[in-house]
Structure formats: C-alpha cells, structure tokens
C-alpha cells in the first residue's frame, strides 16, 4: 500500500497498517480522527491495548490542549460507560468495528 493509498483508506475509515500511521506522524501530519466521530471503533493504543467502543466525543486540534485530534470512547470493556480519552499520539491503529451496526452498541 502506498502512502497515498493509505491516506485515502484512512480518510474513508478503512483500517491501515500501523507502520503507515507512524510514518504519517513522523512526517508531522495529523491523524485525522474525524471519520470515526460518532462511530463504533476498534482502537489499538501504543501499548498494544485494544479498546472497542463508541466515539462519543471528538476534539479537533484547535480545541485540544495538546493541539491534536482526540477521541472519547464509551462502552469499552475496560471503562464501561465512563469516558476514556485517547489522543492521536496514543493511537497505534484505529478502524471501524465491523460487528456493530447500531451506533450506540458496543462491548
């Protein structure tokens, strides 16, 4: 997958290789999390912890204290109905959860 193909896949909410995501970060490009706002996702963080949940809140760089994209997940196995925040720098990979059709249902 080329970098351009990865960018297109990412914008469409399709999963992409974590190596390519890291490459985008190293180039100073933002990980645009907007395609995932209001959707059920599967997120792997930089410590290889996997979270499945609903992106209840999304924050854009201009509104973030760290000037980066952030998501607040709810409905995760680890945190239940409590909000759990991840910044783009903490996310190794993200994809839409193919098993979830109803926006609010999660594990």
PDB file of N, CA and C in Angstrom:
ATOM      1  N   UNK A   1       0.856  -1.178   0.000  1.00  0.00           N
ATOM      2  CA  UNK A   1       0.000   0.000   0.000  1.00  0.00           C
ATOM      3  C   UNK A   1       0.898   1.235   0.000  1.00  0.00           C
ATOM      4  N   UNK A   2       0.668   2.115  -0.931  1.00  0.00           N
ATOM      5  CA  UNK A   2       1.445   3.345  -0.983  1.00  0.00           C
ATOM      6  C   UNK A   2       0.937   4.316   0.077  1.00  0.00           C
ATOM      7  N   UNK A   3       1.717   5.352   0.327  1.00  0.00           N
ATOM      8  CA  UNK A   3       1.313   6.363   1.301  1.00  0.00           C
ATOM      9  C   UNK A   3       0.022   7.049   0.859  1.00  0.00           C
ATOM     10  N   UNK A   4      -0.109   7.325  -0.429  1.00  0.00           N
ATOM     11  CA  UNK A   4      -1.329   7.969  -0.929  1.00  0.00           C
ATOM     12  C   UNK A   4      -2.545   7.059  -0.772  1.00  0.00           C
ATOM     13  N   UNK A   5      -2.364   5.768  -1.052  1.00  0.00           N
ATOM     14  CA  UNK A   5      -3.461   4.815  -0.861  1.00  0.00           C
ATOM     15  C   UNK A   5      -3.842   4.720   0.612  1.00  0.00           C
ATOM     16  N   UNK A   6      -2.837   4.759   1.477  1.00  0.00           N
ATOM     17  CA  UNK A   6      -3.097   4.707   2.920  1.00  0.00           C
ATOM     18  C   UNK A   6      -3.870   5.941   3.381  1.00  0.00           C
ATOM     19  N   UNK A   7      -3.483   7.105   2.880  1.00  0.00           N
ATOM     20  CA  UNK A   7      -4.205   8.330   3.248  1.00  0.00           C
ATOM     21  C   UNK A   7      -5.663   8.253   2.817  1.00  0.00           C
ATOM     22  N   UNK A   8      -5.888   7.733   1.597  1.00  0.00           N
ATOM     23  CA  UNK A   8      -7.256   7.610   1.097  1.00  0.00           C
ATOM     24  C   UNK A   8      -8.048   6.618   1.946  1.00  0.00           C
ATOM     25  N   UNK A   9      -7.445   5.467   2.249  1.00  0.00           N
ATOM     26  CA  UNK A   9      -8.108   4.454   3.081  1.00  0.00           C
ATOM     27  C   UNK A   9      -8.424   5.025   4.452  1.00  0.00           C
ATOM     28  N   UNK A  10      -7.491   5.771   5.002  1.00  0.00           N
ATOM     29  CA  UNK A  10      -7.682   6.359   6.334  1.00  0.00           C
ATOM     30  C   UNK A  10      -8.844   7.341   6.335  1.00  0.00           C
ATOM     31  N   UNK A  11      -8.903   8.185   5.320  1.00  0.00           N
ATOM     32  CA  UNK A  11      -9.992   9.167   5.224  1.00  0.00           C
ATOM     33  C   UNK A  11     -11.348   8.484   5.061  1.00  0.00           C
ATOM     34  N   UNK A  12     -11.354   7.300   4.453  1.00  0.00           N
ATOM     35  CA  UNK A  12     -12.591   6.546   4.257  1.00  0.00           C
ATOM     36  C   UNK A  12     -12.944   5.682   5.466  1.00  0.00           C
ATOM     37  N   UNK A  13     -12.092   5.722   6.490  1.00  0.00           N
ATOM     38  CA  UNK A  13     -12.365   4.945   7.694  1.00  0.00           C
ATOM     39  C   UNK A  13     -11.999   3.479   7.590  1.00  0.00           C
ATOM     40  N   UNK A  14     -11.214   3.111   6.569  1.00  0.00           N
ATOM     41  CA  UNK A  14     -10.777   1.726   6.434  1.00  0.00           C
ATOM     42  C   UNK A  14      -9.491   1.528   7.235  1.00  0.00           C
ATOM     43  N   UNK A  15      -9.264   0.315   7.746  1.00  0.00           N
ATOM     44  CA  UNK A  15      -8.054   0.090   8.534  1.00  0.00           C
ATOM     45  C   UNK A  15      -6.806   0.219   7.671  1.00  0.00           C
ATOM     46  N   UNK A  16      -5.760   0.753   8.274  1.00  0.00           N
ATOM     47  CA  UNK A  16      -4.480   0.824   7.574  1.00  0.00           C
ATOM     48  C   UNK A  16      -3.389   0.358   8.521  1.00  0.00           C
ATOM     49  N   UNK A  17      -2.288  -0.010   7.962  1.00  0.00           N
ATOM     50  CA  UNK A  17      -1.147  -0.524   8.690  1.00  0.00           C
ATOM     51  C   UNK A  17      -0.644   0.499   9.709  1.00  0.00           C
ATOM     52  N   UNK A  18      -0.327   0.031  10.917  1.00  0.00           N
ATOM     53  CA  UNK A  18       0.154   0.943  11.961  1.00  0.00           C
ATOM     54  C   UNK A  18       1.506   1.553  11.589  1.00  0.00           C
ATOM     55  N   UNK A  19       2.302   0.846  10.793  1.00  0.00           N
ATOM     56  CA  UNK A  19       3.573   1.398  10.323  1.00  0.00           C
ATOM     57  C   UNK A  19       3.335   2.661   9.490  1.00  0.00           C
ATOM     58  N   UNK A  20       2.307   2.623   8.646  1.00  0.00           N
ATOM     59  CA  UNK A  20       1.997   3.780   7.807  1.00  0.00           C
ATOM     60  C   UNK A  20       1.472   4.921   8.673  1.00  0.00           C
ATOM     61  N   UNK A  21       0.646   4.594   9.685  1.00  0.00           N
ATOM     62  CA  UNK A  21       0.175   5.647  10.597  1.00  0.00           C
ATOM     63  C   UNK A  21       1.359   6.322  11.285  1.00  0.00           C
ATOM     64  N   UNK A  22       2.326   5.530  11.727  1.00  0.00           N
ATOM     65  CA  UNK A  22       3.509   6.079  12.388  1.00  0.00           C
ATOM     66  C   UNK A  22       4.299   6.954  11.416  1.00  0.00           C
ATOM     67  N   UNK A  23       4.377   6.524  10.173  1.00  0.00           N
ATOM     68  CA  UNK A  23       5.069   7.301   9.151  1.00  0.00           C
ATOM     69  C   UNK A  23       4.412   8.664   8.960  1.00  0.00           C
ATOM     70  N   UNK A  24       3.072   8.680   8.953  1.00  0.00           N
ATOM     71  CA  UNK A  24       2.357   9.955   8.826  1.00  0.00           C
ATOM     72  C   UNK A  24       2.677  10.874   9.993  1.00  0.00           C
ATOM     73  N   UNK A  25       2.737  10.310  11.202  1.00  0.00           N
ATOM     74  CA  UNK A  25       3.045  11.106  12.394  1.00  0.00           C
ATOM     75  C   UNK A  25       4.452  11.681  12.309  1.00  0.00           C
ATOM     76  N   UNK A  26       5.417  10.846  11.871  1.00  0.00           N
ATOM     77  CA  UNK A  26       6.798  11.304  11.784  1.00  0.00           C
ATOM     78  C   UNK A  26       6.962  12.420  10.756  1.00  0.00           C
ATOM     79  N   UNK A  27       6.110  12.419   9.761  1.00  0.00           N
ATOM     80  CA  UNK A  27       6.163  13.477   8.754  1.00  0.00           C
ATOM     81  C   UNK A  27       5.475  14.751   9.239  1.00  0.00           C
ATOM     82  N   UNK A  28       4.957  14.702  10.465  1.00  0.00           N
ATOM     83  CA  UNK A  28       4.290  15.875  11.015  1.00  0.00           C
ATOM     84  C   UNK A  28       2.848  16.019  10.569  1.00  0.00           C
ATOM     85  N   UNK A  29       2.302  14.987   9.956  1.00  0.00           N
ATOM     86  CA  UNK A  29       0.917  15.041   9.505  1.00  0.00           C
ATOM     87  C   UNK A  29      -0.003  14.574  10.624  1.00  0.00           C
ATOM     88  N   UNK A  30      -1.134  15.234  10.740  1.00  0.00           N
ATOM     89  CA  UNK A  30      -2.110  14.887  11.772  1.00  0.00           C
ATOM     90  C   UNK A  30      -2.834  13.601  11.411  1.00  0.00           C
ATOM     91  N   UNK A  31      -3.173  12.825  12.432  1.00  0.00           N
ATOM     92  CA  UNK A  31      -4.017  11.649  12.255  1.00  0.00           C
ATOM     93  C   UNK A  31      -5.451  12.149  12.375  1.00  0.00           C
ATOM     94  N   UNK A  32      -6.097  12.357  11.273  1.00  0.00           N
ATOM     95  CA  UNK A  32      -7.450  12.909  11.261  1.00  0.00           C
ATOM     96  C   UNK A  32      -8.440  11.866  11.757  1.00  0.00           C
ATOM     97  N   UNK A  33      -8.954  12.070  12.957  1.00  0.00           N
ATOM     98  CA  UNK A  33      -9.879  11.114  13.560  1.00  0.00           C
ATOM     99  C   UNK A  33     -11.338  11.440  13.264  1.00  0.00           C
ATOM    100  N   UNK A  34     -11.594  12.505  12.520  1.00  0.00           N
ATOM    101  CA  UNK A  34     -12.981  12.909  12.249  1.00  0.00           C
ATOM    102  C   UNK A  34     -13.836  11.822  11.594  1.00  0.00           C
ATOM    103  N   UNK A  35     -13.295  10.971  10.701  1.00  0.00           N
ATOM    104  CA  UNK A  35     -14.152   9.931  10.119  1.00  0.00           C
ATOM    105  C   UNK A  35     -14.712   8.943  11.148  1.00  0.00           C
ATOM    106  N   UNK A  36     -14.138   8.940  12.333  1.00  0.00           N
ATOM    107  CA  UNK A  36     -14.555   7.992  13.364  1.00  0.00           C
ATOM    108  C   UNK A  36     -15.494   8.607  14.398  1.00  0.00           C
ATOM    109  N   UNK A  37     -15.706   9.926  14.351  1.00  0.00           N
ATOM    110  CA  UNK A  37     -16.601  10.581  15.308  1.00  0.00           C
ATOM    111  C   UNK A  37     -18.002   9.993  15.151  1.00  0.00           C
ATOM    112  N   UNK A  38     -18.614   9.604  16.282  1.00  0.00           N
ATOM    113  CA  UNK A  38     -19.967   9.069  16.245  1.00  0.00           C
ATOM    114  C   UNK A  38     -20.073   7.647  15.718  1.00  0.00           C
ATOM    115  N   UNK A  39     -18.959   6.903  15.757  1.00  0.00           N
ATOM    116  CA  UNK A  39     -18.957   5.541  15.218  1.00  0.00           C
ATOM    117  C   UNK A  39     -18.366   4.569  16.235  1.00  0.00           C
ATOM    118  N   UNK A  40     -18.714   3.298  16.083  1.00  0.00           N
ATOM    119  CA  UNK A  40     -18.098   2.234  16.873  1.00  0.00           C
ATOM    120  C   UNK A  40     -16.765   1.882  16.235  1.00  0.00           C
ATOM    121  N   UNK A  41     -15.742   1.808  17.064  1.00  0.00           N
ATOM    122  CA  UNK A  41     -14.391   1.594  16.560  1.00  0.00           C
ATOM    123  C   UNK A  41     -13.665   0.528  17.367  1.00  0.00           C
ATOM    124  N   UNK A  42     -12.577   0.053  16.784  1.00  0.00           N
ATOM    125  CA  UNK A  42     -11.612  -0.792  17.474  1.00  0.00           C
ATOM    126  C   UNK A  42     -10.298  -0.022  17.426  1.00  0.00           C
ATOM    127  N   UNK A  43      -9.763   0.291  18.595  1.00  0.00           N
ATOM    128  CA  UNK A  43      -8.540   1.089  18.695  1.00  0.00           C
ATOM    129  C   UNK A  43      -7.466   0.264  19.387  1.00  0.00           C
ATOM    130  N   UNK A  44      -6.268   0.278  18.825  1.00  0.00           N
ATOM    131  CA  UNK A  44      -5.105  -0.294  19.492  1.00  0.00           C
ATOM    132  C   UNK A  44      -4.213   0.874  19.873  1.00  0.00           C
ATOM    133  N   UNK A  45      -3.870   0.957  21.164  1.00  0.00           N
ATOM    134  CA  UNK A  45      -3.018   2.072  21.581  1.00  0.00           C
ATOM    135  C   UNK A  45      -1.544   1.689  21.446  1.00  0.00           C
ATOM    136  N   UNK A  46      -0.663   2.624  21.745  1.00  0.00           N
ATOM    137  CA  UNK A  46       0.773   2.407  21.558  1.00  0.00           C
ATOM    138  C   UNK A  46       1.327   1.332  22.492  1.00  0.00           C
ATOM    139  N   UNK A  47       0.568   0.965  23.535  1.00  0.00           N
ATOM    140  CA  UNK A  47       0.963  -0.125  24.431  1.00  0.00           C
ATOM    141  C   UNK A  47       0.312  -1.451  24.031  1.00  0.00           C
ATOM    142  N   UNK A  48      -0.280  -1.473  22.833  1.00  0.00           N
ATOM    143  CA  UNK A  48      -0.950  -2.661  22.277  1.00  0.00           C
ATOM    144  C   UNK A  48      -2.179  -3.094  23.073  1.00  0.00           C
ATOM    145  N   UNK A  49      -2.823  -2.163  23.762  1.00  0.00           N
ATOM    146  CA  UNK A  49      -4.091  -2.437  24.427  1.00  0.00           C
ATOM    147  C   UNK A  49      -5.200  -2.139  23.430  1.00  0.00           C
ATOM    148  N   UNK A  50      -6.139  -3.067  23.302  1.00  0.00           N
ATOM    149  CA  UNK A  50      -7.228  -2.927  22.337  1.00  0.00           C
ATOM    150  C   UNK A  50      -8.491  -2.479  23.060  1.00  0.00           C
ATOM    151  N   UNK A  51      -9.118  -1.437  22.527  1.00  0.00           N
ATOM    152  CA  UNK A  51     -10.372  -0.912  23.052  1.00  0.00           C
ATOM    153  C   UNK A  51     -11.423  -0.995  21.959  1.00  0.00           C
ATOM    154  N   UNK A  52     -12.592  -1.498  22.315  1.00  0.00           N
ATOM    155  CA  UNK A  52     -13.746  -1.460  21.416  1.00  0.00           C
ATOM    156  C   UNK A  52     -14.760  -0.561  22.078  1.00  0.00           C
ATOM    157  N   UNK A  53     -15.209   0.461  21.363  1.00  0.00           N
ATOM    158  CA  UNK A  53     -16.181   1.363  21.952  1.00  0.00           C
ATOM    159  C   UNK A  53     -16.746   2.336  20.941  1.00  0.00           C
ATOM    160  N   UNK A  54     -17.584   3.209  21.455  1.00  0.00           N
ATOM    161  CA  UNK A  54     -18.257   4.220  20.644  1.00  0.00           C
ATOM    162  C   UNK A  54     -17.562   5.558  20.848  1.00  0.00           C
ATOM    163  N   UNK A  55     -17.226   6.242  19.750  1.00  0.00           N
ATOM    164  CA  UNK A  55     -16.599   7.565  19.842  1.00  0.00           C
ATOM    165  C   UNK A  55     -17.707   8.573  20.122  1.00  0.00           C
ATOM    166  N   UNK A  56     -17.862   8.884  21.403  1.00  0.00           N
ATOM    167  CA  UNK A  56     -18.935   9.784  21.844  1.00  0.00           C
ATOM    168  C   UNK A  56     -18.570  11.245  21.653  1.00  0.00           C
ATOM    169  N   UNK A  57     -17.282  11.553  21.772  1.00  0.00           N
ATOM    170  CA  UNK A  57     -16.820  12.932  21.645  1.00  0.00           C
ATOM    171  C   UNK A  57     -15.550  12.930  20.811  1.00  0.00           C
ATOM    172  N   UNK A  58     -15.466  13.860  19.892  1.00  0.00           N
ATOM    173  CA  UNK A  58     -14.254  14.050  19.106  1.00  0.00           C
ATOM    174  C   UNK A  58     -13.790  15.486  19.251  1.00  0.00           C
ATOM    175  N   UNK A  59     -12.487  15.664  19.382  1.00  0.00           N
ATOM    176  CA  UNK A  59     -11.909  17.004  19.543  1.00  0.00           C
ATOM    177  C   UNK A  59     -10.909  17.243  18.422  1.00  0.00           C
ATOM    178  N   UNK A  60     -11.004  18.422  17.823  1.00  0.00           N
ATOM    179  CA  UNK A  60     -10.076  18.782  16.749  1.00  0.00           C
ATOM    180  C   UNK A  60      -8.868  19.513  17.336  1.00  0.00           C
ATOM    181  N   UNK A  61      -7.751  19.572  16.602  1.00  0.00           N
ATOM    182  CA  UNK A  61      -6.524  20.161  17.142  1.00  0.00           C
ATOM    183  C   UNK A  61      -6.689  21.564  17.729  1.00  0.00           C
ATOM    184  N   UNK A  62      -7.444  22.422  17.111  1.00  0.00           N
ATOM    185  CA  UNK A  62      -7.595  23.789  17.614  1.00  0.00           C
ATOM    186  C   UNK A  62      -8.282  23.874  18.962  1.00  0.00           C
ATOM    187  N   UNK A  63      -9.040  22.841  19.318  1.00  0.00           N
ATOM    188  CA  UNK A  63      -9.753  22.823  20.592  1.00  0.00           C
ATOM    189  C   UNK A  63      -9.080  21.943  21.636  1.00  0.00           C
ATOM    190  N   UNK A  64      -7.989  21.315  21.277  1.00  0.00           N
ATOM    191  CA  UNK A  64      -7.292  20.383  22.162  1.00  0.00           C
ATOM    192  C   UNK A  64      -6.140  21.079  22.878  1.00  0.00           C
ATOM    193  N   UNK A  65      -5.928  20.733  24.140  1.00  0.00           N
ATOM    194  CA  UNK A  65      -4.796  21.290  24.897  1.00  0.00           C
ATOM    195  C   UNK A  65      -3.457  20.898  24.270  1.00  0.00           C
ATOM    196  N   UNK A  66      -3.406  19.721  23.651  1.00  0.00           N
ATOM    197  CA  UNK A  66      -2.168  19.239  23.036  1.00  0.00           C
ATOM    198  C   UNK A  66      -2.091  19.534  21.546  1.00  0.00           C
ATOM    199  N   UNK A  67      -3.053  20.312  21.021  1.00  0.00           N
ATOM    200  CA  UNK A  67      -3.108  20.658  19.603  1.00  0.00           C
ATOM    201  C   UNK A  67      -3.073  19.410  18.714  1.00  0.00           C
ATOM    202  N   UNK A  68      -3.940  18.452  19.064  1.00  0.00           N
ATOM    203  CA  UNK A  68      -4.022  17.221  18.284  1.00  0.00           C
ATOM    204  C   UNK A  68      -5.460  16.724  18.318  1.00  0.00           C
ATOM    205  N   UNK A  69      -5.758  15.744  17.465  1.00  0.00           N
ATOM    206  CA  UNK A  69      -7.075  15.118  17.497  1.00  0.00           C
ATOM    207  C   UNK A  69      -7.179  14.242  18.740  1.00  0.00           C
ATOM    208  N   UNK A  70      -8.385  14.209  19.310  1.00  0.00           N
ATOM    209  CA  UNK A  70      -8.666  13.356  20.464  1.00  0.00           C
ATOM    210  C   UNK A  70     -10.029  12.715  20.266  1.00  0.00           C
ATOM    211  N   UNK A  71     -10.183  11.511  20.844  1.00  0.00           N
ATOM    212  CA  UNK A  71     -11.495  10.875  20.869  1.00  0.00           C
ATOM    213  C   UNK A  71     -11.798  10.447  22.298  1.00  0.00           C
ATOM    214  N   UNK A  72     -13.067  10.513  22.667  1.00  0.00           N
ATOM    215  CA  UNK A  72     -13.543   9.999  23.942  1.00  0.00           C
ATOM    216  C   UNK A  72     -14.406   8.785  23.644  1.00  0.00           C
ATOM    217  N   UNK A  73     -13.962   7.634  24.126  1.00  0.00           N
ATOM    218  CA  UNK A  73     -14.693   6.393  23.922  1.00  0.00           C
ATOM    219  C   UNK A  73     -15.589   6.109  25.122  1.00  0.00           C
ATOM    220  N   UNK A  74     -16.757   5.537  24.859  1.00  0.00           N
ATOM    221  CA  UNK A  74     -17.601   4.995  25.916  1.00  0.00           C
ATOM    222  C   UNK A  74     -17.977   3.572  25.528  1.00  0.00           C
ATOM    223  N   UNK A  75     -18.380   2.804  26.526  1.00  0.00           N
ATOM    224  CA  UNK A  75     -18.817   1.439  26.258  1.00  0.00           C
ATOM    225  C   UNK A  75     -17.687   0.452  26.062  1.00  0.00           C
ATOM    226  N   UNK A  76     -16.482   0.785  26.523  1.00  0.00           N
ATOM    227  CA  UNK A  76     -15.375  -0.162  26.401  1.00  0.00           C
ATOM    228  C   UNK A  76     -15.441  -1.176  27.529  1.00  0.00           C
ATOM    229  N   UNK A  77     -14.838  -2.322  27.311  1.00  0.00           N
ATOM    230  CA  UNK A  77     -14.780  -3.361  28.340  1.00  0.00           C
ATOM    231  C   UNK A  77     -14.009  -2.832  29.559  1.00  0.00           C
ATOM    232  N   UNK A  78     -12.975  -2.054  29.310  1.00  0.00           N
ATOM    233  CA  UNK A  78     -12.123  -1.566  30.393  1.00  0.00           C
ATOM    234  C   UNK A  78     -12.780  -0.469  31.239  1.00  0.00           C
ATOM    235  N   UNK A  79     -13.577   0.406  30.614  1.00  0.00           N
ATOM    236  CA  UNK A  79     -14.099   1.587  31.319  1.00  0.00           C
ATOM    237  C   UNK A  79     -15.620   1.672  31.339  1.00  0.00           C
ATOM    238  N   UNK A  80     -16.308   0.738  30.730  1.00  0.00           N
ATOM    239  CA  UNK A  80     -17.776   0.721  30.754  1.00  0.00           C
ATOM    240  C   UNK A  80     -18.375   2.001  30.181  1.00  0.00           C
ATOM    241  N   UNK A  81     -19.287   2.613  30.943  1.00  0.00           N
ATOM    242  CA  UNK A  81     -19.951   3.833  30.479  1.00  0.00           C
ATOM    243  C   UNK A  81     -19.191   5.106  30.832  1.00  0.00           C
ATOM    244  N   UNK A  82     -18.007   4.964  31.422  1.00  0.00           N
ATOM    245  CA  UNK A  82     -17.167   6.140  31.698  1.00  0.00           C
ATOM    246  C   UNK A  82     -16.442   6.540  30.419  1.00  0.00           C
ATOM    247  N   UNK A  83     -16.208   7.819  30.266  1.00  0.00           N
ATOM    248  CA  UNK A  83     -15.480   8.319  29.100  1.00  0.00           C
ATOM    249  C   UNK A  83     -13.995   8.020  29.253  1.00  0.00           C
ATOM    250  N   UNK A  84     -13.383   7.619  28.163  1.00  0.00           N
ATOM    251  CA  UNK A  84     -11.952   7.328  28.131  1.00  0.00           C
ATOM    252  C   UNK A  84     -11.358   8.067  26.939  1.00  0.00           C
ATOM    253  N   UNK A  85     -10.412   8.954  27.196  1.00  0.00           N
ATOM    254  CA  UNK A  85      -9.842   9.810  26.155  1.00  0.00           C
ATOM    255  C   UNK A  85      -8.532   9.247  25.619  1.00  0.00           C
ATOM    256  N   UNK A  86      -8.408   9.270  24.299  1.00  0.00           N
ATOM    257  CA  UNK A  86      -7.168   8.918  23.615  1.00  0.00           C
ATOM    258  C   UNK A  86      -6.813  10.042  22.652  1.00  0.00           C
ATOM    259  N   UNK A  87      -5.548  10.431  22.639  1.00  0.00           N
ATOM    260  CA  UNK A  87      -5.088  11.413  21.653  1.00  0.00           C
ATOM    261  C   UNK A  87      -4.536  10.675  20.439  1.00  0.00           C
ATOM    262  N   UNK A  88      -4.377  11.399  19.354  1.00  0.00           N
ATOM    263  CA  UNK A  88      -3.829  10.778  18.139  1.00  0.00           C
ATOM    264  C   UNK A  88      -2.443  10.197  18.392  1.00  0.00           C
ATOM    265  N   UNK A  89      -1.699  10.751  19.348  1.00  0.00           N
ATOM    266  CA  UNK A  89      -0.347  10.275  19.640  1.00  0.00           C
ATOM    267  C   UNK A  89      -0.355   8.959  20.408  1.00  0.00           C
ATOM    268  N   UNK A  90      -1.484   8.635  21.039  1.00  0.00           N
ATOM    269  CA  UNK A  90      -1.601   7.395  21.805  1.00  0.00           C
ATOM    270  C   UNK A  90      -2.186   6.253  20.979  1.00  0.00           C
ATOM    271  N   UNK A  91      -2.637   6.562  19.771  1.00  0.00           N
ATOM    272  CA  UNK A  91      -3.303   5.577  18.936  1.00  0.00           C
ATOM    273  C   UNK A  91      -2.320   4.968  17.936  1.00  0.00           C
ATOM    274  N   UNK A  92      -2.209   3.651  18.008  1.00  0.00           N
ATOM    275  CA  UNK A  92      -1.361   2.926  17.060  1.00  0.00           C
ATOM    276  C   UNK A  92      -2.154   2.599  15.802  1.00  0.00           C
ATOM    277  N   UNK A  93      -3.404   2.144  15.980  1.00  0.00           N
ATOM    278  CA  UNK A  93      -4.271   1.886  14.835  1.00  0.00           C
ATOM    279  C   UNK A  93      -5.717   2.073  15.255  1.00  0.00           C
ATOM    280  N   UNK A  94      -6.556   2.382  14.275  1.00  0.00           N
ATOM    281  CA  UNK A  94      -7.986   2.565  14.519  1.00  0.00           C
ATOM    282  C   UNK A  94      -8.737   2.097  13.286  1.00  0.00           C
ATOM    283  N   UNK A  95      -9.873   1.448  13.529  1.00  0.00           N
ATOM    284  CA  UNK A  95     -10.719   1.008  12.422  1.00  0.00           C
ATOM    285  C   UNK A  95     -12.167   0.981  12.899  1.00  0.00           C
ATOM    286  N   UNK A  96     -13.079   1.045  11.950  1.00  0.00           N
ATOM    287  CA  UNK A  96     -14.489   0.903  12.277  1.00  0.00           C
ATOM    288  C   UNK A  96     -14.738  -0.531  12.721  1.00  0.00           C
ATOM    289  N   UNK A  97     -15.618  -0.705  13.707  1.00  0.00           N
ATOM    290  CA  UNK A  97     -15.947  -2.039  14.199  1.00  0.00           C
ATOM    291  C   UNK A  97     -16.961  -2.679  13.241  1.00  0.00           C
ATOM    292  N   UNK A  98     -16.547  -3.710  12.497  1.00  0.00           N
ATOM    293  CA  UNK A  98     -17.448  -4.299  11.501  1.00  0.00           C
ATOM    294  C   UNK A  98     -18.629  -5.052  12.120  1.00  0.00           C
ATOM    295  N   UNK A  99     -18.545  -5.377  13.408  1.00  0.00           N
ATOM    296  CA  UNK A  99     -19.606  -6.136  14.074  1.00  0.00           C
ATOM    297  C   UNK A  99     -20.700  -5.263  14.656  1.00  0.00           C
ATOM    298  N   UNK A 100     -20.555  -3.947  14.570  1.00  0.00           N
ATOM    299  CA  UNK A 100     -21.515  -3.034  15.202  1.00  0.00           C
ATOM    300  C   UNK A 100     -22.253  -2.230  14.146  1.00  0.00           C
ATOM    301  N   UNK A 101     -23.554  -2.444  14.089  1.00  0.00           N
ATOM    302  CA  UNK A 101     -24.380  -1.666  13.166  1.00  0.00           C
ATOM    303  C   UNK A 101     -25.063  -0.527  13.888  1.00  0.00           C
ATOM    304  N   UNK A 102     -25.603  -0.791  15.088  1.00  0.00           N
ATOM    305  CA  UNK A 102     -26.254   0.230  15.887  1.00  0.00           C
ATOM    306  C   UNK A 102     -25.167   1.116  16.486  1.00  0.00           C
ATOM    307  N   UNK A 103     -25.222   2.417  16.246  1.00  0.00           N
ATOM    308  CA  UNK A 103     -24.160   3.325  16.661  1.00  0.00           C
ATOM    309  C   UNK A 103     -23.833   3.287  18.147  1.00  0.00           C
ATOM    310  N   UNK A 104     -24.805   3.079  19.004  1.00  0.00           N
ATOM    311  CA  UNK A 104     -24.548   3.159  20.431  1.00  0.00           C
ATOM    312  C   UNK A 104     -24.182   1.824  21.076  1.00  0.00           C
ATOM    313  N   UNK A 105     -24.300   0.708  20.372  1.00  0.00           N
ATOM    314  CA  UNK A 105     -23.995  -0.587  20.965  1.00  0.00           C
ATOM    315  C   UNK A 105     -22.513  -0.879  20.863  1.00  0.00           C
ATOM    316  N   UNK A 106     -21.929  -1.330  21.953  1.00  0.00           N
ATOM    317  CA  UNK A 106     -20.533  -1.709  21.972  1.00  0.00           C
ATOM    318  C   UNK A 106     -20.333  -2.764  23.049  1.00  0.00           C
ATOM    319  N   UNK A 107     -19.141  -3.323  23.112  1.00  0.00           N
ATOM    320  CA  UNK A 107     -18.860  -4.330  24.140  1.00  0.00           C
ATOM    321  C   UNK A 107     -18.601  -3.668  25.473  1.00  0.00           C
TER     322      UNK A 107
END
